[in-house]
Amino acid sequence: MEDRSTKIFMYPEMEPDCIKLPLESLDSPRWEKYECSGNPEILLTKLMAGDEDVFCECCDMVSDQMSFWSGIYLVFPYLVDRLAKDFGQIDSAEWIMNSSMLGITLATDCDTNRSMDHIADEAVRSCYQLSIKKYQLLIKKFLSKKAKSLRKVDSMEQTMFALEVLAAFGNRDDAFLMINSEMDESITVACDKCEHCNEGIEFTDKKALSAIKPKAQAEAHWDGRDFEDTCLWFGDFLELFQIKRLAKHLPYYFGIYKCPECGNEALVKDLMKNFYFA
């Protein structure tokens, strides 16, 4: 009997192209309201014309320095459409890279990374949410048809692909924290009871890593009903697709850190939030 993770991630309920996105016209006055760090008219025009080299630039335009840019609500649907057009047309390794960059972009739109001031117009929000659904279907289509391609890329690329899955389906706050941490190859925590900050818990340093008591492996498997418990469902996902690097790190994000200064014990990911969002 197939496990629930296999059924959910390897059997798309429909083709991504069944979803038609009402992209915002590049001469729309809405672009003045939604901020980007670059010029969306120039970059998206090049993207629509088939210039693959600007895909990452377009992602950077709305995720520069892992900050939240409200322009993501207008730009993200364009990038999803481009990713859909590129499926099967470009090398799998390049598609994985572009897809992962898009996941990093999506992770910046998380509760702790944006203010309540950034509320999109109803029509814009509707298209954005629809584009996330299409993005989820693209991920499922890739995993159902080309999952073996993941074995041909290095462990960091596998990790970033997995984190795009977390951003697309699960808790984006968790995805944001893990992306920052995995890119630095270390965990940074800030105690919420005193001023102690540990900025260098490297995954390769066993002594430093011993400051964290990792979460024990779950006895139960994911029931496939929701994506609330990141450690549970995402752990099963990493196991299913043999993304070993991140699977090894995951228990530490949900482990317990004891502050050497005041003795306070807290969940690692909560202390990571203290550092990034204090």
Protein backbone atom coordinates (compact mmCIF):
# COMPACT_ATOMS: atom_id res chain seq x y z
CA MET A 1 0.00 0.00 0.00
CA GLU A 2 1.44 3.34 -1.05
CA ASP A 3 2.08 5.84 1.73
CA ARG A 4 0.16 9.10 1.83
CA SER A 5 3.19 11.24 0.90
CA THR A 6 3.58 9.31 -2.36
CA LYS A 7 -0.09 9.75 -3.23
CA ILE A 8 -0.09 13.47 -2.45
CA PHE A 9 3.16 14.47 -4.15
CA MET A 10 3.32 12.06 -7.09
CA TYR A 11 -0.26 12.06 -8.34
CA PRO A 12 -1.25 15.61 -9.44
CA GLU A 13 -5.01 16.11 -9.43
CA MET A 14 -4.83 18.05 -12.69
CA GLU A 15 -2.37 19.48 -15.22
CA PRO A 16 -0.89 22.84 -14.19
CA ASP A 17 -1.83 24.29 -17.59
CA CYS A 18 -5.50 23.84 -16.66
CA ILE A 19 -5.04 26.93 -14.50
CA LYS A 20 -5.03 30.15 -16.54
CA LEU A 21 -3.61 33.10 -14.62
CA PRO A 22 -5.02 36.61 -15.24
CA LEU A 23 -1.64 38.35 -15.26
CA GLU A 24 -1.57 42.03 -14.39
CA SER A 25 -0.86 44.14 -17.48
CA LEU A 26 2.57 45.74 -17.35
CA ASP A 27 1.03 49.16 -18.04
CA SER A 28 -1.42 48.80 -15.14
CA PRO A 29 -1.37 51.62 -12.55
CA ARG A 30 -1.23 48.92 -9.84
CA TRP A 31 2.52 48.56 -10.40
CA GLU A 32 2.97 51.95 -8.74
CA LYS A 33 1.45 50.59 -5.53
CA TYR A 34 3.36 47.30 -5.34
CA GLU A 35 7.07 47.71 -4.68
CA CYS A 36 9.95 45.86 -6.34
CA SER A 37 13.70 46.30 -6.02
CA GLY A 38 14.07 46.36 -9.82
CA ASN A 39 12.15 47.41 -12.91
CA PRO A 40 9.35 44.86 -13.45
CA GLU A 41 8.35 46.24 -16.85
CA ILE A 42 11.81 45.68 -18.33
CA LEU A 43 12.57 42.33 -16.68
CA LEU A 44 9.15 40.75 -17.17
CA THR A 45 9.05 41.87 -20.81
CA LYS A 46 12.35 40.06 -21.36
CA LEU A 47 11.04 37.02 -19.47
CA MET A 48 7.88 36.86 -21.57
CA ALA A 49 10.01 37.10 -24.70
CA GLY A 50 11.80 33.92 -23.66
CA ASP A 51 14.96 35.34 -22.07
CA GLU A 52 15.71 32.59 -19.53
CA ASP A 53 18.68 34.50 -18.10
CA VAL A 54 16.40 36.99 -16.33
CA PHE A 55 14.35 34.45 -14.36
CA CYS A 56 16.59 34.67 -11.29
CA GLU A 57 16.74 38.47 -11.63
CA CYS A 58 12.95 38.57 -11.54
CA CYS A 59 12.97 36.46 -8.38
CA ASP A 60 15.58 38.75 -6.79
CA MET A 61 13.44 41.74 -7.69
CA VAL A 62 10.85 40.66 -5.12
CA SER A 63 13.05 38.83 -2.59
CA ASP A 64 16.16 41.00 -2.44
CA GLN A 65 18.13 40.25 0.75
CA MET A 66 15.28 37.94 1.81
CA SER A 67 13.13 40.99 2.50
CA PHE A 68 9.41 41.18 1.74
CA TRP A 69 8.48 43.19 -1.36
CA SER A 70 4.79 43.70 -2.07
CA GLY A 71 5.54 43.39 -5.79
CA ILE A 72 5.62 39.63 -5.24
CA TYR A 73 1.82 39.64 -5.55
CA LEU A 74 2.08 40.80 -9.18
CA VAL A 75 5.40 39.21 -10.20
CA PHE A 76 4.95 35.70 -8.79
CA PRO A 77 2.17 34.72 -11.24
CA TYR A 78 4.40 35.73 -14.18
CA LEU A 79 7.19 33.53 -12.86
CA VAL A 80 4.89 30.55 -12.32
CA ASP A 81 3.62 30.86 -15.90
CA ARG A 82 7.22 30.95 -17.16
CA LEU A 83 8.11 27.90 -15.07
CA ALA A 84 5.13 26.07 -16.56
CA LYS A 85 6.17 26.95 -20.12
CA ASP A 86 9.71 25.78 -19.38
CA PHE A 87 8.64 22.37 -18.09
CA GLY A 88 10.17 19.84 -20.48
CA GLN A 89 11.72 22.62 -22.56
CA ILE A 90 14.85 23.28 -20.51
CA ASP A 91 17.36 21.02 -18.76
CA SER A 92 15.97 19.46 -15.56
CA ALA A 93 18.83 20.85 -13.47
CA GLU A 94 18.06 24.37 -14.70
CA TRP A 95 14.34 23.87 -14.05
CA ILE A 96 15.11 22.71 -10.50
CA MET A 97 17.26 25.80 -9.95
CA ASN A 98 14.57 28.18 -11.25
CA SER A 99 11.85 26.39 -9.31
CA SER A 100 13.94 26.59 -6.13
CA MET A 101 14.60 30.30 -6.65
CA LEU A 102 10.86 30.78 -6.94
CA GLY A 103 10.38 28.87 -3.68
CA ILE A 104 12.87 31.12 -1.91
CA THR A 105 10.92 34.10 -3.24
CA LEU A 106 7.63 32.70 -1.94
CA ALA A 107 9.17 32.04 1.49
CA THR A 108 9.77 35.77 1.98
CA ASP A 109 5.97 36.24 2.04
CA CYS A 110 5.58 34.85 5.54
CA ASP A 111 3.74 36.21 8.56
CA THR A 112 6.84 37.26 10.48
CA ASN A 113 8.56 38.87 7.48
CA ARG A 114 5.85 41.30 6.36
CA SER A 115 3.85 43.97 8.10
CA MET A 116 0.07 44.22 8.20
CA ASP A 117 0.35 47.22 5.88
CA HIS A 118 0.93 44.90 2.93
CA ILE A 119 -2.59 43.82 2.05
CA ALA A 120 -3.16 43.18 -1.65
CA ASP A 121 -6.24 44.21 -3.62
CA GLU A 122 -8.81 41.41 -3.81
CA ALA A 123 -8.25 40.73 -7.53
CA VAL A 124 -4.47 40.74 -7.10
CA ARG A 125 -4.67 38.45 -4.09
CA SER A 126 -6.96 36.06 -5.97
CA CYS A 127 -4.52 35.74 -8.90
CA TYR A 128 -1.60 35.33 -6.51
CA GLN A 129 -3.30 32.51 -4.60
CA LEU A 130 -4.25 30.84 -7.88
CA SER A 131 -0.60 31.05 -9.00
CA ILE A 132 0.49 29.30 -5.79
CA LYS A 133 -1.95 26.49 -6.60
CA LYS A 134 -0.45 26.23 -10.09
CA TYR A 135 3.03 26.23 -8.56
CA GLN A 136 2.03 23.34 -6.29
CA LEU A 137 0.80 21.40 -9.32
CA LEU A 138 4.08 22.07 -11.14
CA ILE A 139 6.01 20.66 -8.20
CA LYS A 140 3.78 17.58 -8.15
CA LYS A 141 4.16 17.15 -11.90
CA PHE A 142 7.94 17.33 -11.59
CA LEU A 143 8.00 14.79 -8.76
CA SER A 144 5.68 12.44 -10.66
CA LYS A 145 7.71 12.57 -13.88
CA LYS A 146 11.25 13.67 -13.10
CA ALA A 147 12.00 12.98 -9.44
CA LYS A 148 15.08 10.96 -10.45
CA SER A 149 16.63 14.22 -11.66
CA LEU A 150 17.03 15.25 -8.01
CA ARG A 151 19.68 12.56 -7.60
CA LYS A 152 21.83 14.26 -10.25
CA VAL A 153 22.11 17.63 -8.48
CA ASP A 154 24.24 18.31 -5.41
CA SER A 155 22.98 18.13 -1.83
CA MET A 156 22.51 21.91 -1.49
CA GLU A 157 20.34 22.04 -4.62
CA GLN A 158 18.32 19.11 -3.30
CA THR A 159 17.92 20.97 -0.02
CA MET A 160 16.70 24.16 -1.68
CA PHE A 161 14.24 22.20 -3.82
CA ALA A 162 12.85 20.56 -0.69
CA LEU A 163 12.51 23.95 0.99
CA GLU A 164 10.52 25.26 -1.96
CA VAL A 165 8.10 22.39 -1.31
CA LEU A 166 7.85 23.53 2.31
CA ALA A 167 7.22 27.13 1.21
CA ALA A 168 4.59 26.08 -1.35
CA PHE A 169 2.65 23.60 0.78
CA GLY A 170 3.45 24.24 4.42
CA ASN A 171 4.56 26.80 6.97
CA ARG A 172 6.37 29.65 5.21
CA ASP A 173 7.82 30.96 8.47
CA ASP A 174 9.59 27.60 8.87
CA ALA A 175 10.70 27.70 5.24
CA PHE A 176 12.08 31.24 5.63
CA LEU A 177 14.10 30.31 8.72
CA MET A 178 15.48 27.11 7.23
CA ILE A 179 16.42 28.75 3.94
CA ASN A 180 18.44 31.41 5.73
CA SER A 181 20.05 28.81 7.94
CA GLU A 182 20.84 26.33 5.16
CA MET A 183 22.41 29.04 3.00
CA ASP A 184 24.66 29.96 5.94
CA GLU A 185 25.15 26.27 6.78
CA SER A 186 24.59 27.11 10.44
CA ILE A 187 21.87 27.94 12.95
CA THR A 188 21.68 31.33 14.66
CA VAL A 189 19.65 31.78 17.83
CA ALA A 190 18.90 34.68 20.17
CA CYS A 191 17.68 34.03 23.72
CA ASP A 192 14.34 35.65 24.52
CA LYS A 193 15.17 35.93 28.23
CA CYS A 194 18.59 37.59 28.07
CA GLU A 195 20.80 39.23 25.44
CA HIS A 196 22.77 36.10 24.56
CA CYS A 197 23.09 35.43 20.84
CA ASN A 198 24.81 32.44 19.25
CA GLU A 199 25.50 33.17 15.58
CA GLY A 200 27.57 30.14 14.66
CA ILE A 201 26.05 26.75 15.41
CA GLU A 202 27.53 25.06 12.35
CA PHE A 203 26.06 21.76 11.22
CA THR A 204 29.57 20.38 10.67
CA ASP A 205 30.74 21.31 14.19
CA LYS A 206 29.63 18.52 16.52
CA LYS A 207 30.70 20.43 19.63
CA ALA A 208 28.69 23.53 18.70
CA LEU A 209 25.73 21.43 17.59
CA SER A 210 25.71 19.65 20.95
CA ALA A 211 24.15 22.82 22.43
CA ILE A 212 20.90 21.64 20.84
CA LYS A 213 18.95 18.59 21.93
CA PRO A 214 17.39 17.41 18.64
CA LYS A 215 13.74 16.42 18.50
CA ALA A 216 13.25 12.67 18.69
CA GLN A 217 12.07 10.92 15.57
CA ALA A 218 8.29 10.74 15.40
CA GLU A 219 6.81 7.31 16.00
CA ALA A 220 3.82 8.05 13.78
CA HIS A 221 3.77 8.93 10.10
CA TRP A 222 1.91 11.82 8.53
CA ASP A 223 -1.79 11.20 8.02
CA GLY A 224 -1.83 13.31 4.85
CA ARG A 225 -4.61 15.58 6.08
CA ASP A 226 -2.84 18.87 6.66
CA PHE A 227 0.57 20.53 6.65
CA GLU A 228 0.50 22.03 10.16
CA ASP A 229 3.15 19.77 11.68
CA THR A 230 6.25 20.62 9.63
CA CYS A 231 8.52 18.20 11.45
CA LEU A 232 6.13 15.31 10.77
CA TRP A 233 5.00 15.75 7.17
CA PHE A 234 8.19 17.37 5.91
CA GLY A 235 10.27 14.67 7.57
CA ASP A 236 8.27 12.05 5.67
CA PHE A 237 8.73 14.03 2.45
CA LEU A 238 12.51 14.20 2.90
CA GLU A 239 12.63 10.48 3.60
CA LEU A 240 10.50 9.64 0.57
CA PHE A 241 12.71 11.58 -1.84
CA GLN A 242 15.98 10.76 -0.03
CA ILE A 243 17.01 14.37 0.63
CA LYS A 244 19.49 13.27 3.25
CA ARG A 245 21.29 16.53 4.06
CA LEU A 246 18.16 18.36 5.17
CA ALA A 247 16.68 15.25 6.79
CA LYS A 248 19.75 15.18 9.04
CA HIS A 249 19.32 18.85 9.97
CA LEU A 250 15.54 18.90 10.47
CA PRO A 251 15.46 17.51 14.08
CA TYR A 252 17.73 20.37 15.21
CA TYR A 253 15.32 23.07 14.03
CA PHE A 254 12.66 21.53 16.25
CA GLY A 255 15.04 20.67 19.05
CA ILE A 256 15.67 22.48 22.35
CA TYR A 257 18.47 24.99 22.93
CA LYS A 258 19.67 25.82 26.44
CA CYS A 259 21.04 29.32 26.81
CA PRO A 260 24.55 29.15 28.37
CA GLU A 261 24.04 32.58 29.95
CA CYS A 262 20.68 32.33 31.73
CA GLY A 263 19.79 28.64 31.41
CA ASN A 264 16.57 29.34 29.50
CA GLU A 265 15.42 26.42 27.37
CA ALA A 266 13.36 27.03 24.24
CA LEU A 267 12.49 25.64 20.82
CA VAL A 268 15.30 26.35 18.36
CA LYS A 269 13.07 27.72 15.62
CA ASP A 270 11.49 30.17 18.10
CA LEU A 271 14.93 31.43 19.07
CA MET A 272 15.80 31.74 15.39
CA LYS A 273 12.76 34.00 15.00
CA ASN A 274 14.09 36.14 17.83
CA PHE A 275 17.28 36.69 15.86
CA TYR A 276 15.75 37.40 12.45
CA PHE A 277 12.69 39.36 13.54
CA ALA A 278 13.49 40.95 16.90
